[in-house]
């Protein structure tokens, strides 16, 4: 694949996402789509009340426009990206992933809409959100199965047949994988610039992995996601002028899952997305431990709030979490390449 395809995807995504802020943010302010702050959150977050939310539409627009432009460029220059999308299997996996991420973003959009328009702080009920997310996850995996996905690769072990025998356990595990990571990214979105910065690093890791294995569509998609996250950080870094809301965080979660499946090695997201897992498990541990003992392990969950209450600044938390993601990503890239 021409190296310019990924570069074009990243640049266009950055430009569209960052420049759209000049239009989207004032529009959200005009509609009074301001963030509500949970009463159980840190008291000092109350100053963020009213900051426009649902800014995730900027990220979505950046990714979609970038993919369209990069595909157009690839088709004109006739390189691997456009050629791959002419293959039914590759095209099906690519579009299934994008559609799944968009559906997750749509669920987040409805959740945000209920919060900011209906003034119901918690948005969709837990049952409603869980049902919709599991439905989208199941339909995505069903599409992959119908497209002909027969194996999953685990570095140093090899390809595992997922169409018979013990390999069939892959599908229920994958269902919880898609659902779990989408929600884990959502939980990570609690500080200015946190989810976008961590996802930026993770997207770059997938870009390098897809590039190494010659996966043009995955390489360009990851580049578009990285560019969009960078463009959003322009507006979302502290002090945030806009929040991505569930619209953005659930779309990001869907995109990271889609990229992991596009590589044929979804297991690597466990390591690249280590921060997502830590955030999710901190909530699970906190809830389970409190129910049993009426005591807390962390001062507040998700764990980024624990560090806040320990005196860490938001900037420090974002930096440290991004560095952890970077280290985990470098190790994952190295092990994926030598363990192919």
Protein backbone atom coordinates (compact mmCIF):
# COMPACT_ATOMS: atom_id res chain seq x y z
CA UNK A 1 0.00 0.00 0.00
CA UNK A 2 1.22 3.47 -0.78
CA UNK A 3 2.42 5.06 2.44
CA UNK A 4 0.57 8.20 1.41
CA UNK A 5 -2.83 6.53 1.87
CA UNK A 6 -2.42 6.27 5.64
CA UNK A 7 -0.88 9.74 5.79
CA UNK A 8 -3.80 11.21 3.83
CA UNK A 9 -6.29 9.39 6.10
CA UNK A 10 -4.62 10.77 9.22
CA UNK A 11 -4.28 14.34 7.91
CA UNK A 12 -7.85 14.53 6.60
CA UNK A 13 -9.27 13.06 9.82
CA UNK A 14 -7.29 15.56 11.89
CA UNK A 15 -8.36 18.49 9.71
CA UNK A 16 -12.05 17.57 9.62
CA UNK A 17 -12.25 16.82 13.35
CA UNK A 18 -10.33 19.87 14.52
CA UNK A 19 -11.91 22.34 12.09
CA UNK A 20 -15.43 21.02 12.71
CA UNK A 21 -15.04 22.21 16.28
CA UNK A 22 -15.50 25.80 15.08
CA UNK A 23 -18.97 24.83 13.85
CA UNK A 24 -20.09 21.99 16.11
CA UNK A 25 -19.15 23.46 19.49
CA UNK A 26 -21.00 26.80 19.04
CA UNK A 27 -23.97 24.84 17.66
CA UNK A 28 -24.03 22.56 20.72
CA UNK A 29 -23.85 25.63 22.95
CA UNK A 30 -26.74 27.19 21.07
CA UNK A 31 -28.80 24.03 21.58
CA UNK A 32 -27.70 24.03 25.23
CA UNK A 33 -26.37 20.49 24.91
CA UNK A 34 -24.25 20.90 28.01
CA UNK A 35 -22.74 18.15 30.13
CA UNK A 36 -24.48 17.23 33.37
CA UNK A 37 -22.25 16.13 36.23
CA UNK A 38 -23.04 13.06 38.31
CA UNK A 39 -23.58 13.78 41.98
CA UNK A 40 -21.29 10.85 42.86
CA UNK A 41 -18.38 12.32 40.93
CA UNK A 42 -15.57 14.48 42.28
CA UNK A 43 -16.94 17.78 43.60
CA UNK A 44 -14.40 19.82 41.63
CA UNK A 45 -15.87 18.45 38.38
CA UNK A 46 -18.95 20.60 38.99
CA UNK A 47 -17.08 23.44 37.29
CA UNK A 48 -17.35 21.46 34.04
CA UNK A 49 -21.12 21.58 34.14
CA UNK A 50 -22.54 23.07 30.96
CA UNK A 51 -19.53 22.23 28.79
CA UNK A 52 -20.93 21.07 25.41
CA UNK A 53 -21.11 17.29 25.07
CA UNK A 54 -21.89 14.93 22.16
CA UNK A 55 -18.69 16.21 20.53
CA UNK A 56 -18.08 12.64 19.45
CA UNK A 57 -19.87 13.56 16.22
CA UNK A 58 -16.68 15.46 15.33
CA UNK A 59 -14.63 12.27 15.64
CA UNK A 60 -17.15 10.25 13.64
CA UNK A 61 -17.21 12.86 10.87
CA UNK A 62 -13.41 12.97 10.79
CA UNK A 63 -13.07 9.18 10.45
CA UNK A 64 -15.77 8.80 7.79
CA UNK A 65 -14.55 11.67 5.61
CA UNK A 66 -10.94 10.48 5.94
CA UNK A 67 -11.85 6.93 4.89
CA UNK A 68 -13.79 8.22 1.89
CA UNK A 69 -10.94 10.50 0.78
CA UNK A 70 -8.24 7.89 1.35
CA UNK A 71 -10.26 5.30 -0.56
CA UNK A 72 -10.69 7.75 -3.43
CA UNK A 73 -6.96 8.41 -3.49
CA UNK A 74 -6.22 4.69 -3.31
CA UNK A 75 -8.63 3.93 -6.16
CA UNK A 76 -7.03 6.57 -8.38
CA UNK A 77 -3.49 5.39 -7.68
CA UNK A 78 -4.58 1.72 -7.69
CA UNK A 79 -2.92 0.50 -4.51
CA UNK A 80 -3.61 -2.19 -1.92
CA UNK A 81 -6.32 -0.33 0.01
CA UNK A 82 -8.77 -0.08 -2.88
CA UNK A 83 -7.78 -3.49 -4.23
CA UNK A 84 -8.45 -5.14 -0.86
CA UNK A 85 -11.94 -3.64 -0.72
CA UNK A 86 -12.72 -5.28 -4.05
CA UNK A 87 -12.32 -8.66 -2.37
CA UNK A 88 -15.71 -9.66 -0.87
CA UNK A 89 -14.22 -11.03 2.37
CA UNK A 90 -12.01 -8.01 3.07
CA UNK A 91 -14.77 -5.56 2.15
CA UNK A 92 -17.31 -7.35 4.34
CA UNK A 93 -15.02 -7.38 7.38
CA UNK A 94 -14.11 -3.72 6.81
CA UNK A 95 -17.67 -2.44 6.44
CA UNK A 96 -19.01 -4.67 9.22
CA UNK A 97 -16.51 -3.11 11.62
CA UNK A 98 -17.31 0.46 10.59
CA UNK A 99 -21.07 -0.15 10.79
CA UNK A 100 -20.70 -1.81 14.20
CA UNK A 101 -18.75 1.21 15.51
CA UNK A 102 -21.34 3.60 14.08
CA UNK A 103 -24.15 1.62 15.73
CA UNK A 104 -22.32 1.78 19.06
CA UNK A 105 -21.92 5.52 18.53
CA UNK A 106 -25.65 5.78 17.77
CA UNK A 107 -26.49 4.06 21.07
CA UNK A 108 -24.21 6.56 22.78
CA UNK A 109 -25.91 9.41 20.91
CA UNK A 110 -29.34 8.39 22.20
CA UNK A 111 -27.88 8.06 25.69
CA UNK A 112 -26.41 11.57 25.48
CA UNK A 113 -29.62 12.96 24.00
CA UNK A 114 -31.65 11.68 26.93
CA UNK A 115 -29.14 13.17 29.36
CA UNK A 116 -28.91 16.64 27.87
CA UNK A 117 -32.37 17.11 26.35
CA UNK A 118 -34.56 15.07 28.66
CA UNK A 119 -32.39 16.14 31.62
CA UNK A 120 -32.16 12.57 32.90
CA UNK A 121 -28.62 12.37 34.22
CA UNK A 122 -28.07 8.64 33.71
CA UNK A 123 -29.42 8.52 30.13
CA UNK A 124 -30.57 5.12 28.92
CA UNK A 125 -31.26 2.58 31.63
CA UNK A 126 -28.62 -0.10 32.21
CA UNK A 127 -30.93 -2.76 30.78
CA UNK A 128 -31.68 -0.72 27.67
CA UNK A 129 -28.04 0.04 26.98
CA UNK A 130 -26.92 -3.54 27.66
CA UNK A 131 -29.57 -5.00 25.36
CA UNK A 132 -28.70 -2.65 22.50
CA UNK A 133 -24.95 -3.15 22.87
CA UNK A 134 -25.25 -6.94 23.02
CA UNK A 135 -27.56 -6.88 20.00
CA UNK A 136 -25.06 -4.85 17.95
CA UNK A 137 -22.20 -7.07 19.16
CA UNK A 138 -24.06 -10.25 18.22
CA UNK A 139 -25.02 -8.95 14.77
CA UNK A 140 -21.41 -7.90 14.14
CA UNK A 141 -20.07 -11.34 15.04
CA UNK A 142 -22.81 -13.04 13.03
CA UNK A 143 -21.76 -10.96 10.03
CA UNK A 144 -18.13 -12.00 10.48
CA UNK A 145 -19.17 -15.65 10.68
CA UNK A 146 -21.30 -15.36 7.54
CA UNK A 147 -18.44 -13.60 5.77
CA UNK A 148 -16.26 -16.64 6.32
CA UNK A 149 -14.18 -15.91 9.41
CA UNK A 150 -12.96 -19.38 10.33
CA UNK A 151 -9.90 -18.74 12.48
CA UNK A 152 -8.50 -16.38 15.05
CA UNK A 153 -4.77 -15.95 15.53
CA UNK A 154 -3.00 -15.96 18.88
CA UNK A 155 0.67 -14.91 18.70
CA UNK A 156 3.10 -17.77 19.43
CA UNK A 157 0.22 -20.27 19.26
CA UNK A 158 -1.09 -19.80 15.75
CA UNK A 159 -4.48 -19.98 14.10
CA UNK A 160 -7.35 -21.45 16.09
CA UNK A 161 -10.27 -22.96 14.16
CA UNK A 162 -13.46 -21.30 15.46
CA UNK A 163 -15.95 -23.29 13.39
CA UNK A 164 -15.95 -26.59 15.27
CA UNK A 165 -15.10 -28.33 18.52
CA UNK A 166 -13.67 -26.28 21.37
CA UNK A 167 -13.05 -23.47 18.92
CA UNK A 168 -16.75 -22.63 19.00
CA UNK A 169 -16.24 -21.15 22.47
CA UNK A 170 -14.59 -18.25 20.63
CA UNK A 171 -17.98 -16.76 19.70
CA UNK A 172 -19.49 -16.31 23.18
CA UNK A 173 -16.13 -15.04 24.41
CA UNK A 174 -15.99 -12.66 21.45
CA UNK A 175 -19.49 -11.40 22.28
CA UNK A 176 -18.39 -10.35 25.76
CA UNK A 177 -15.14 -9.04 24.27
CA UNK A 178 -16.96 -6.62 21.94
CA UNK A 179 -19.47 -5.60 24.59
CA UNK A 180 -16.87 -5.33 27.33
CA UNK A 181 -14.32 -3.23 25.49
CA UNK A 182 -16.96 -0.83 24.18
CA UNK A 183 -18.04 -0.16 27.74
CA UNK A 184 -14.46 -0.06 29.02
CA UNK A 185 -13.62 2.79 26.65
CA UNK A 186 -16.79 4.52 27.81
CA UNK A 187 -15.61 4.26 31.44
CA UNK A 188 -12.20 5.67 30.46
CA UNK A 189 -13.83 8.87 29.24
CA UNK A 190 -13.88 10.67 32.58
CA UNK A 191 -11.15 13.30 32.36
CA UNK A 192 -10.27 15.99 29.85
CA UNK A 193 -8.37 14.35 26.99
CA UNK A 194 -8.08 10.91 28.62
CA UNK A 195 -10.06 8.61 26.31
CA UNK A 196 -8.96 10.43 23.16
CA UNK A 197 -5.26 10.37 24.15
CA UNK A 198 -5.22 6.71 25.16
CA UNK A 199 -7.11 5.73 22.00
CA UNK A 200 -4.75 7.82 19.89
CA UNK A 201 -1.81 5.74 21.10
CA UNK A 202 -3.73 2.49 20.63
CA UNK A 203 -4.79 3.45 17.11
CA UNK A 204 -1.16 4.16 16.20
CA UNK A 205 -0.25 0.67 17.42
CA UNK A 206 -2.88 -0.90 15.18
CA UNK A 207 -1.71 1.28 12.30
CA UNK A 208 1.82 -0.12 12.62
CA UNK A 209 0.64 -3.71 13.03
CA UNK A 210 -1.68 -3.51 10.01
CA UNK A 211 1.06 -1.85 8.00
CA UNK A 212 3.54 -4.59 8.85
CA UNK A 213 1.13 -7.34 7.83
CA UNK A 214 0.16 -5.52 4.63
CA UNK A 215 -3.44 -4.85 5.65
CA UNK A 216 -4.15 -1.68 3.71
CA UNK A 217 -7.70 -1.11 4.90
CA UNK A 218 -6.75 -1.66 8.55
CA UNK A 219 -3.73 0.61 8.20
CA UNK A 220 -5.77 3.46 6.72
CA UNK A 221 -8.64 3.01 9.19
CA UNK A 222 -6.29 3.09 12.18
CA UNK A 223 -4.57 6.17 10.73
CA UNK A 224 -7.95 7.88 10.32
CA UNK A 225 -8.87 7.06 13.92
CA UNK A 226 -5.52 8.36 15.19
CA UNK A 227 -5.92 11.57 13.20
CA UNK A 228 -9.47 12.11 14.48
CA UNK A 229 -8.39 11.56 18.09
CA UNK A 230 -5.56 14.07 17.64
CA UNK A 231 -8.00 16.60 16.18
CA UNK A 232 -10.37 16.08 19.08
CA UNK A 233 -7.61 16.53 21.67
CA UNK A 234 -7.24 20.07 20.32
CA UNK A 235 -10.64 20.84 21.83
CA UNK A 236 -10.80 18.24 24.59
CA UNK A 237 -7.49 18.78 26.40
CA UNK A 238 -7.77 20.54 29.75
CA UNK A 239 -9.65 22.78 30.07
CA UNK A 240 -12.01 20.93 27.74
CA UNK A 241 -14.16 23.06 25.45
CA UNK A 242 -16.21 20.03 24.46
CA UNK A 243 -16.73 16.46 25.68
CA UNK A 244 -17.12 13.51 23.33
CA UNK A 245 -19.96 12.06 25.41
CA UNK A 246 -21.10 8.48 25.01
CA UNK A 247 -21.49 9.29 21.32
CA UNK A 248 -17.73 9.47 20.98
CA UNK A 249 -16.52 7.01 23.60
CA UNK A 250 -18.74 4.18 22.38
CA UNK A 251 -17.74 4.88 18.78
CA UNK A 252 -14.08 4.76 19.80
CA UNK A 253 -14.68 1.49 21.62
CA UNK A 254 -16.35 0.03 18.55
CA UNK A 255 -13.50 1.20 16.31
CA UNK A 256 -10.80 -0.30 18.51
CA UNK A 257 -12.67 -3.62 18.55
CA UNK A 258 -13.15 -3.46 14.77
CA UNK A 259 -9.43 -2.85 14.26
CA UNK A 260 -8.51 -5.80 16.48
CA UNK A 261 -10.75 -8.13 14.48
CA UNK A 262 -9.47 -6.66 11.20
CA UNK A 263 -5.97 -7.84 12.11
CA UNK A 264 -7.30 -11.37 12.67
CA UNK A 265 -5.76 -11.14 16.14
CA UNK A 266 -8.41 -9.59 18.41
CA UNK A 267 -6.56 -10.91 21.49
CA UNK A 268 -3.91 -8.18 21.10
CA UNK A 269 -6.47 -5.54 22.14
CA UNK A 270 -6.23 -6.98 25.66
CA UNK A 271 -2.69 -5.61 25.83
CA UNK A 272 -2.98 -2.48 23.66
CA UNK A 273 -6.15 -1.62 25.58
CA UNK A 274 -4.70 -2.38 29.01
CA UNK A 275 -5.86 0.99 30.37
CA UNK A 276 -9.42 0.27 29.27
CA UNK A 277 -9.30 -3.03 31.15
CA UNK A 278 -7.83 -1.46 34.29
CA UNK A 279 -10.58 1.19 34.27
CA UNK A 280 -13.32 -1.44 33.84
CA UNK A 281 -11.93 -3.86 36.43
CA UNK A 282 -11.50 -1.04 38.96
CA UNK A 283 -15.25 -0.44 38.77
CA UNK A 284 -16.07 -4.15 38.99
CA UNK A 285 -13.77 -4.67 41.97
CA UNK A 286 -15.07 -1.58 43.74
CA UNK A 287 -18.71 -2.63 43.35
CA UNK A 288 -18.13 -6.28 44.31
CA UNK A 289 -15.95 -5.43 47.33
CA UNK A 290 -18.37 -2.76 48.57
CA UNK A 291 -21.36 -5.09 48.31
CA UNK A 292 -19.53 -7.67 50.39
CA UNK A 293 -17.79 -5.50 52.99
CA UNK A 294 -19.42 -2.04 52.73
CA UNK A 295 -15.88 -0.72 52.30
CA UNK A 296 -14.06 0.66 49.27
CA UNK A 297 -10.79 -0.46 47.68
CA UNK A 298 -10.37 2.81 45.80
CA UNK A 299 -11.27 6.29 46.93
CA UNK A 300 -13.47 6.46 43.83
CA UNK A 301 -13.92 4.39 40.70
CA UNK A 302 -13.12 4.30 37.81
CA UNK A 303 -9.50 4.36 38.88
CA UNK A 304 -8.66 7.70 37.22
CA UNK A 305 -10.88 9.35 39.86
CA UNK A 306 -8.95 7.50 42.58
CA UNK A 307 -5.73 9.12 41.39
CA UNK A 308 -7.49 12.48 41.19
CA UNK A 309 -8.50 12.15 44.84
CA UNK A 310 -4.91 11.21 45.68
CA UNK A 311 -3.87 14.63 44.41
CA UNK A 312 -2.85 13.87 40.83
CA UNK A 313 -3.75 16.52 38.25
CA UNK A 314 -5.83 15.57 35.23
CA UNK A 315 -2.85 16.32 32.99
CA UNK A 316 -0.62 13.94 34.96
CA UNK A 317 -3.18 11.14 34.82
CA UNK A 318 -3.63 11.55 31.07
CA UNK A 319 0.14 11.53 30.55
CA UNK A 320 0.78 8.48 32.73
CA UNK A 321 -2.13 6.48 31.28
CA UNK A 322 -1.00 7.34 27.75
CA UNK A 323 2.58 6.30 28.56
CA UNK A 324 1.33 2.98 29.97
CA UNK A 325 -0.61 2.45 26.74
CA UNK A 326 2.47 3.35 24.71
CA UNK A 327 4.70 0.88 26.59
CA UNK A 328 2.08 -1.87 26.34
CA UNK A 329 1.63 -1.12 22.64
CA UNK A 330 5.35 -1.27 21.86
CA UNK A 331 5.62 -4.65 23.64
CA UNK A 332 2.51 -5.91 21.85
CA UNK A 333 3.81 -4.83 18.42
CA UNK A 334 7.13 -6.56 19.05
CA UNK A 335 5.54 -9.79 20.31
CA UNK A 336 2.95 -9.82 17.52
CA UNK A 337 5.61 -9.51 14.86
CA UNK A 338 8.00 -12.13 16.22
CA UNK A 339 5.17 -14.42 17.28
CA UNK A 340 3.34 -14.48 13.94
